[in-house]
Each structure stands twice: as C-alpha cells, then as structure tokens.
Amino acid sequence: MYTRAAKAGSVLLMAAYLTLVAFGNLTDYESNFNFVAHVMSMDTTFEGNKGMWRAVESPVLHHLSYASIIVLEGVSALLCWIGGLRLAFRLNRPEAFHRAKAMAIAGLGVSLLVWFGAFLVIANEWFLMWQSSEWNAKETAFSLTLLALLILVFLAAPEGRDDP
C-alpha cells in the first residue's frame, strides 16, 4: 500500500504545483504574458540569426498562445486532481487502484504537452528561446518535463499485490 500511496501523493503534488502555476498566470497575467510575447517575437535572440523569419509579432497570437498555455495547465491540474484523488480512495484495493490510473496518466500527459511540447519543442527550438539570456525557461521546462515523465513512469509501473 505504501507504493500506491506514494504514487497517489506524487500525482496530487503535481496537481497542486500545476494549480499554483495556472493560478499565478491568471493573477499575474502580465508578467508571464511578457515572457511569451518576447519569446515569440524573438527580440532577444542572437543578433543576425537566420531564424528570425520564425518570429511572431502579433499581440493577438501572443495572447492566444498564452491563454492556450494557461488552459492546458489548468486541464492538466484538474485531471491530476481527479486522478490523484481517485487513486487515494483506492489505496487498499490494488485492482481498483490500477483501473483508476487513467485520469492521472492523462493529466501527466497534458503536462508533458505543455512543458515538453510548448516550452522545449516550440519555444526553445522553434522560437530559439535558448539564445536569450533574458527570456529563457529552458531549464525550468526541462525540469518539469522530467518531473512529469518520472511521475508518469512511476505511476504506470505495476504494483506488487504484496505491496506493504
């Protein structure tokens, strides 16, 4: 039961983290909106780089992109809360616990979409965020990608029926 409790707890901690991230983005919209706008505008990448044709300077697209990130963070948090609570209420029933993993797995998958997809693939590589010393979240995105992936792998691993 301890392994199942650790799995449920990990998912619930991820849910709490994602909730705080989404809450922060909503309550201090301008701060992180500026981050998205600068990354998409590529205005602090290396001078004269050949990738500047990728820059998006439309404030409408900046707001749509940022809103999409916030929505995905919220969806991920909600799925992790639902999944984590379902797991927590089934700790003493291994088969039911295993069947309850779906929502948590979905939430962690959406989290990977945000941190790996939006931040590492799109922001870091497409918009060359890695070139900016001022508007760069590569390390944070990488850490959160690894965290979500580790929890996902831990959660998906089968528990022994004799789990203490």
C-alpha atoms as a PDB file:
ATOM      1  CA  MET A   1       0.000   0.000   0.000  1.00  0.00           C
ATOM      2  CA  TYR A   2       2.939   2.374   0.578  1.00  0.00           C
ATOM      3  CA  THR A   3       3.910   2.310  -3.085  1.00  0.00           C
ATOM      4  CA  ARG A   4       0.341   3.102  -4.095  1.00  0.00           C
ATOM      5  CA  ALA A   5       0.243   5.926  -1.537  1.00  0.00           C
ATOM      6  CA  ALA A   6       3.489   7.344  -2.934  1.00  0.00           C
ATOM      7  CA  LYS A   7       2.045   7.212  -6.443  1.00  0.00           C
ATOM      8  CA  ALA A   8      -1.174   8.940  -5.430  1.00  0.00           C
ATOM      9  CA  GLY A   9       0.789  11.501  -3.426  1.00  0.00           C
ATOM     10  CA  SER A  10       3.082  12.255  -6.358  1.00  0.00           C
ATOM     11  CA  VAL A  11       0.127  12.870  -8.641  1.00  0.00           C
ATOM     12  CA  LEU A  12      -1.551  15.079  -6.033  1.00  0.00           C
ATOM     13  CA  LEU A  13       1.639  17.095  -5.537  1.00  0.00           C
ATOM     14  CA  MET A  14       1.873  17.603  -9.287  1.00  0.00           C
ATOM     15  CA  ALA A  15      -1.771  18.710  -9.268  1.00  0.00           C
ATOM     16  CA  ALA A  16      -1.009  21.233  -6.521  1.00  0.00           C
ATOM     17  CA  TYR A  17       2.015  22.549  -8.399  1.00  0.00           C
ATOM     18  CA  LEU A  18       0.124  22.911 -11.678  1.00  0.00           C
ATOM     19  CA  THR A  19      -2.739  24.616  -9.866  1.00  0.00           C
ATOM     20  CA  LEU A  20      -0.346  27.181  -8.430  1.00  0.00           C
ATOM     21  CA  VAL A  21       1.269  27.741 -11.822  1.00  0.00           C
ATOM     22  CA  ALA A  22      -2.099  28.312 -13.526  1.00  0.00           C
ATOM     23  CA  PHE A  23      -3.264  30.497 -10.617  1.00  0.00           C
ATOM     24  CA  GLY A  24      -0.096  32.587 -10.843  1.00  0.00           C
ATOM     25  CA  ASN A  25      -0.503  33.006 -14.578  1.00  0.00           C
ATOM     26  CA  LEU A  26      -4.086  34.163 -14.124  1.00  0.00           C
ATOM     27  CA  THR A  27      -3.476  36.507 -11.201  1.00  0.00           C
ATOM     28  CA  ASP A  28      -0.257  37.995 -12.612  1.00  0.00           C
ATOM     29  CA  TYR A  29      -1.147  37.709 -16.280  1.00  0.00           C
ATOM     30  CA  GLU A  30       1.142  40.480 -17.486  1.00  0.00           C
ATOM     31  CA  SER A  31       4.413  39.077 -16.124  1.00  0.00           C
ATOM     32  CA  ASN A  32       4.305  35.758 -17.906  1.00  0.00           C
ATOM     33  CA  PHE A  33       2.457  37.193 -20.894  1.00  0.00           C
ATOM     34  CA  ASN A  34       5.537  39.367 -21.448  1.00  0.00           C
ATOM     35  CA  PHE A  35       7.650  36.216 -21.404  1.00  0.00           C
ATOM     36  CA  VAL A  36       5.507  34.596 -24.114  1.00  0.00           C
ATOM     37  CA  ALA A  37       5.459  37.782 -26.205  1.00  0.00           C
ATOM     38  CA  HIS A  38       9.258  38.194 -26.048  1.00  0.00           C
ATOM     39  CA  VAL A  39       9.927  34.544 -26.853  1.00  0.00           C
ATOM     40  CA  MET A  40       7.530  34.549 -29.810  1.00  0.00           C
ATOM     41  CA  SER A  41       8.887  37.909 -31.044  1.00  0.00           C
ATOM     42  CA  MET A  42      12.421  36.535 -30.777  1.00  0.00           C
ATOM     43  CA  ASP A  43      13.585  40.037 -29.848  1.00  0.00           C
ATOM     44  CA  THR A  44      16.380  38.883 -27.547  1.00  0.00           C
ATOM     45  CA  THR A  45      17.835  36.075 -29.668  1.00  0.00           C
ATOM     46  CA  PHE A  46      21.293  36.341 -31.191  1.00  0.00           C
ATOM     47  CA  GLU A  47      21.595  39.367 -33.426  1.00  0.00           C
ATOM     48  CA  GLY A  48      21.520  38.497 -37.113  1.00  0.00           C
ATOM     49  CA  ASN A  49      20.432  34.876 -36.631  1.00  0.00           C
ATOM     50  CA  LYS A  50      18.967  33.235 -39.711  1.00  0.00           C
ATOM     51  CA  GLY A  51      15.842  32.040 -37.872  1.00  0.00           C
ATOM     52  CA  MET A  52      14.204  35.437 -37.443  1.00  0.00           C
ATOM     53  CA  TRP A  53      11.661  34.591 -40.139  1.00  0.00           C
ATOM     54  CA  ARG A  54      10.002  32.426 -37.468  1.00  0.00           C
ATOM     55  CA  ALA A  55       9.226  35.407 -35.226  1.00  0.00           C
ATOM     56  CA  VAL A  56       5.569  36.122 -34.475  1.00  0.00           C
ATOM     57  CA  GLU A  57       4.925  39.734 -33.575  1.00  0.00           C
ATOM     58  CA  SER A  58       1.129  39.696 -33.406  1.00  0.00           C
ATOM     59  CA  PRO A  59      -0.167  40.585 -29.917  1.00  0.00           C
ATOM     60  CA  VAL A  60      -3.341  38.632 -30.733  1.00  0.00           C
ATOM     61  CA  LEU A  61      -1.322  35.464 -31.348  1.00  0.00           C
ATOM     62  CA  HIS A  62       0.731  36.149 -28.220  1.00  0.00           C
ATOM     63  CA  HIS A  63      -2.455  36.347 -26.127  1.00  0.00           C
ATOM     64  CA  LEU A  64      -3.941  33.249 -27.808  1.00  0.00           C
ATOM     65  CA  SER A  65      -0.753  31.288 -27.199  1.00  0.00           C
ATOM     66  CA  TYR A  66      -0.543  32.361 -23.570  1.00  0.00           C
ATOM     67  CA  ALA A  67      -4.222  31.641 -22.996  1.00  0.00           C
ATOM     68  CA  SER A  68      -3.712  28.174 -24.502  1.00  0.00           C
ATOM     69  CA  ILE A  69      -0.835  27.518 -22.124  1.00  0.00           C
ATOM     70  CA  ILE A  70      -2.931  28.581 -19.121  1.00  0.00           C
ATOM     71  CA  VAL A  71      -5.859  26.411 -20.249  1.00  0.00           C
ATOM     72  CA  LEU A  72      -3.596  23.387 -20.719  1.00  0.00           C
ATOM     73  CA  GLU A  73      -2.002  23.950 -17.308  1.00  0.00           C
ATOM     74  CA  GLY A  74      -5.491  24.118 -15.786  1.00  0.00           C
ATOM     75  CA  VAL A  75      -6.680  21.000 -17.605  1.00  0.00           C
ATOM     76  CA  SER A  76      -3.547  19.146 -16.525  1.00  0.00           C
ATOM     77  CA  ALA A  77      -4.055  20.250 -12.912  1.00  0.00           C
ATOM     78  CA  LEU A  78      -7.723  19.244 -12.939  1.00  0.00           C
ATOM     79  CA  LEU A  79      -7.001  15.816 -14.424  1.00  0.00           C
ATOM     80  CA  CYS A  80      -4.208  15.252 -11.886  1.00  0.00           C
ATOM     81  CA  TRP A  81      -6.512  16.283  -9.007  1.00  0.00           C
ATOM     82  CA  ILE A  82      -9.254  13.934 -10.184  1.00  0.00           C
ATOM     83  CA  GLY A  83      -6.814  11.135 -10.915  1.00  0.00           C
ATOM     84  CA  GLY A  84      -4.857  11.594  -7.697  1.00  0.00           C
ATOM     85  CA  LEU A  85      -7.992  11.603  -5.560  1.00  0.00           C
ATOM     86  CA  ARG A  86      -9.347   8.527  -7.329  1.00  0.00           C
ATOM     87  CA  LEU A  87      -6.065   6.790  -6.608  1.00  0.00           C
ATOM     88  CA  ALA A  88      -6.031   7.934  -2.980  1.00  0.00           C
ATOM     89  CA  PHE A  89      -9.500   6.497  -2.362  1.00  0.00           C
ATOM     90  CA  ARG A  90      -8.455   3.108  -3.755  1.00  0.00           C
ATOM     91  CA  LEU A  91      -5.187   2.506  -1.925  1.00  0.00           C
ATOM     92  CA  ASN A  92      -6.419  -0.688  -0.255  1.00  0.00           C
ATOM     93  CA  ARG A  93      -7.769  -2.214  -3.468  1.00  0.00           C
ATOM     94  CA  PRO A  94      -4.919  -2.962  -5.914  1.00  0.00           C
ATOM     95  CA  GLU A  95      -7.101  -3.792  -8.920  1.00  0.00           C
ATOM     96  CA  ALA A  96      -9.299  -0.727  -8.419  1.00  0.00           C
ATOM     97  CA  PHE A  97      -6.184   1.410  -7.919  1.00  0.00           C
ATOM     98  CA  HIS A  98      -4.764   0.180 -11.223  1.00  0.00           C
ATOM     99  CA  ARG A  99      -8.024   0.936 -13.052  1.00  0.00           C
ATOM    100  CA  ALA A 100      -8.095   4.426 -11.523  1.00  0.00           C
ATOM    101  CA  LYS A 101      -4.799   5.485 -13.109  1.00  0.00           C
ATOM    102  CA  ALA A 102      -6.309   6.752 -16.378  1.00  0.00           C
ATOM    103  CA  MET A 103      -7.139  10.324 -15.330  1.00  0.00           C
ATOM    104  CA  ALA A 104      -3.786  10.824 -13.625  1.00  0.00           C
ATOM    105  CA  ILE A 105      -1.977   9.487 -16.692  1.00  0.00           C
ATOM    106  CA  ALA A 106      -4.000  11.865 -18.878  1.00  0.00           C
ATOM    107  CA  GLY A 107      -3.145  14.807 -16.609  1.00  0.00           C
ATOM    108  CA  LEU A 108       0.548  13.998 -16.683  1.00  0.00           C
ATOM    109  CA  GLY A 109       0.332  13.595 -20.454  1.00  0.00           C
ATOM    110  CA  VAL A 110      -1.160  17.077 -20.807  1.00  0.00           C
ATOM    111  CA  SER A 111       1.587  18.384 -18.534  1.00  0.00           C
ATOM    112  CA  LEU A 112       4.155  16.864 -20.903  1.00  0.00           C
ATOM    113  CA  LEU A 113       2.370  18.577 -23.783  1.00  0.00           C
ATOM    114  CA  VAL A 114       2.876  21.928 -22.029  1.00  0.00           C
ATOM    115  CA  TRP A 115       6.433  21.587 -20.737  1.00  0.00           C
ATOM    116  CA  PHE A 116       7.963  19.377 -23.413  1.00  0.00           C
ATOM    117  CA  GLY A 117       5.799  20.367 -26.368  1.00  0.00           C
ATOM    118  CA  ALA A 118       5.090  24.062 -25.867  1.00  0.00           C
ATOM    119  CA  PHE A 119       8.208  25.098 -23.976  1.00  0.00           C
ATOM    120  CA  LEU A 120      11.013  22.815 -25.145  1.00  0.00           C
ATOM    121  CA  VAL A 121       9.951  21.995 -28.693  1.00  0.00           C
ATOM    122  CA  ILE A 122       8.158  25.177 -29.730  1.00  0.00           C
ATOM    123  CA  ALA A 123       9.575  27.961 -27.524  1.00  0.00           C
ATOM    124  CA  ASN A 124      13.107  26.646 -27.078  1.00  0.00           C
ATOM    125  CA  GLU A 125      13.740  25.252 -30.545  1.00  0.00           C
ATOM    126  CA  TRP A 126      11.290  26.924 -32.930  1.00  0.00           C
ATOM    127  CA  PHE A 127      11.497  30.390 -31.377  1.00  0.00           C
ATOM    128  CA  LEU A 128      15.145  29.904 -30.319  1.00  0.00           C
ATOM    129  CA  MET A 129      14.466  30.707 -26.667  1.00  0.00           C
ATOM    130  CA  TRP A 130      17.794  29.077 -25.825  1.00  0.00           C
ATOM    131  CA  GLN A 131      19.558  32.064 -27.422  1.00  0.00           C
ATOM    132  CA  SER A 132      18.026  34.545 -24.983  1.00  0.00           C
ATOM    133  CA  SER A 133      19.782  35.316 -21.726  1.00  0.00           C
ATOM    134  CA  GLU A 134      16.751  37.323 -20.552  1.00  0.00           C
ATOM    135  CA  TRP A 135      13.676  35.311 -21.631  1.00  0.00           C
ATOM    136  CA  ASN A 136      14.773  31.713 -21.222  1.00  0.00           C
ATOM    137  CA  ALA A 137      12.876  28.986 -19.367  1.00  0.00           C
ATOM    138  CA  LYS A 138      14.701  26.019 -20.860  1.00  0.00           C
ATOM    139  CA  GLU A 139      15.991  24.676 -17.536  1.00  0.00           C
ATOM    140  CA  THR A 140      12.629  25.049 -15.813  1.00  0.00           C
ATOM    141  CA  ALA A 141      10.782  23.418 -18.708  1.00  0.00           C
ATOM    142  CA  PHE A 142      13.312  20.581 -18.813  1.00  0.00           C
ATOM    143  CA  SER A 143      12.971  20.001 -15.059  1.00  0.00           C
ATOM    144  CA  LEU A 144       9.182  19.957 -15.254  1.00  0.00           C
ATOM    145  CA  THR A 145       9.266  17.655 -18.276  1.00  0.00           C
ATOM    146  CA  LEU A 146      11.449  15.220 -16.332  1.00  0.00           C
ATOM    147  CA  LEU A 147       9.289  15.514 -13.230  1.00  0.00           C
ATOM    148  CA  ALA A 148       6.077  14.774 -15.150  1.00  0.00           C
ATOM    149  CA  LEU A 149       7.756  11.921 -17.006  1.00  0.00           C
ATOM    150  CA  LEU A 150       9.190  10.375 -13.835  1.00  0.00           C
ATOM    151  CA  ILE A 151       5.818  10.519 -12.084  1.00  0.00           C
ATOM    152  CA  LEU A 152       4.181   9.057 -15.185  1.00  0.00           C
ATOM    153  CA  VAL A 153       6.656   6.161 -15.344  1.00  0.00           C
ATOM    154  CA  PHE A 154       6.364   5.574 -11.582  1.00  0.00           C
ATOM    155  CA  LEU A 155       2.568   5.638 -11.783  1.00  0.00           C
ATOM    156  CA  ALA A 156       2.368   3.357 -14.804  1.00  0.00           C
ATOM    157  CA  ALA A 157       4.649   0.722 -13.275  1.00  0.00           C
ATOM    158  CA  PRO A 158       2.657  -2.188 -11.847  1.00  0.00           C
ATOM    159  CA  GLU A 159       2.436  -2.561  -8.094  1.00  0.00           C
ATOM    160  CA  GLY A 160       3.009  -5.912  -6.492  1.00  0.00           C
ATOM    161  CA  ARG A 161      -0.038  -7.492  -4.895  1.00  0.00           C
ATOM    162  CA  ASP A 162       2.008  -7.774  -1.707  1.00  0.00           C
ATOM    163  CA  ASP A 163       2.858  -4.064  -1.664  1.00  0.00           C
ATOM    164  CA  PRO A 164       3.283  -3.316   2.032  1.00  0.00           C
END
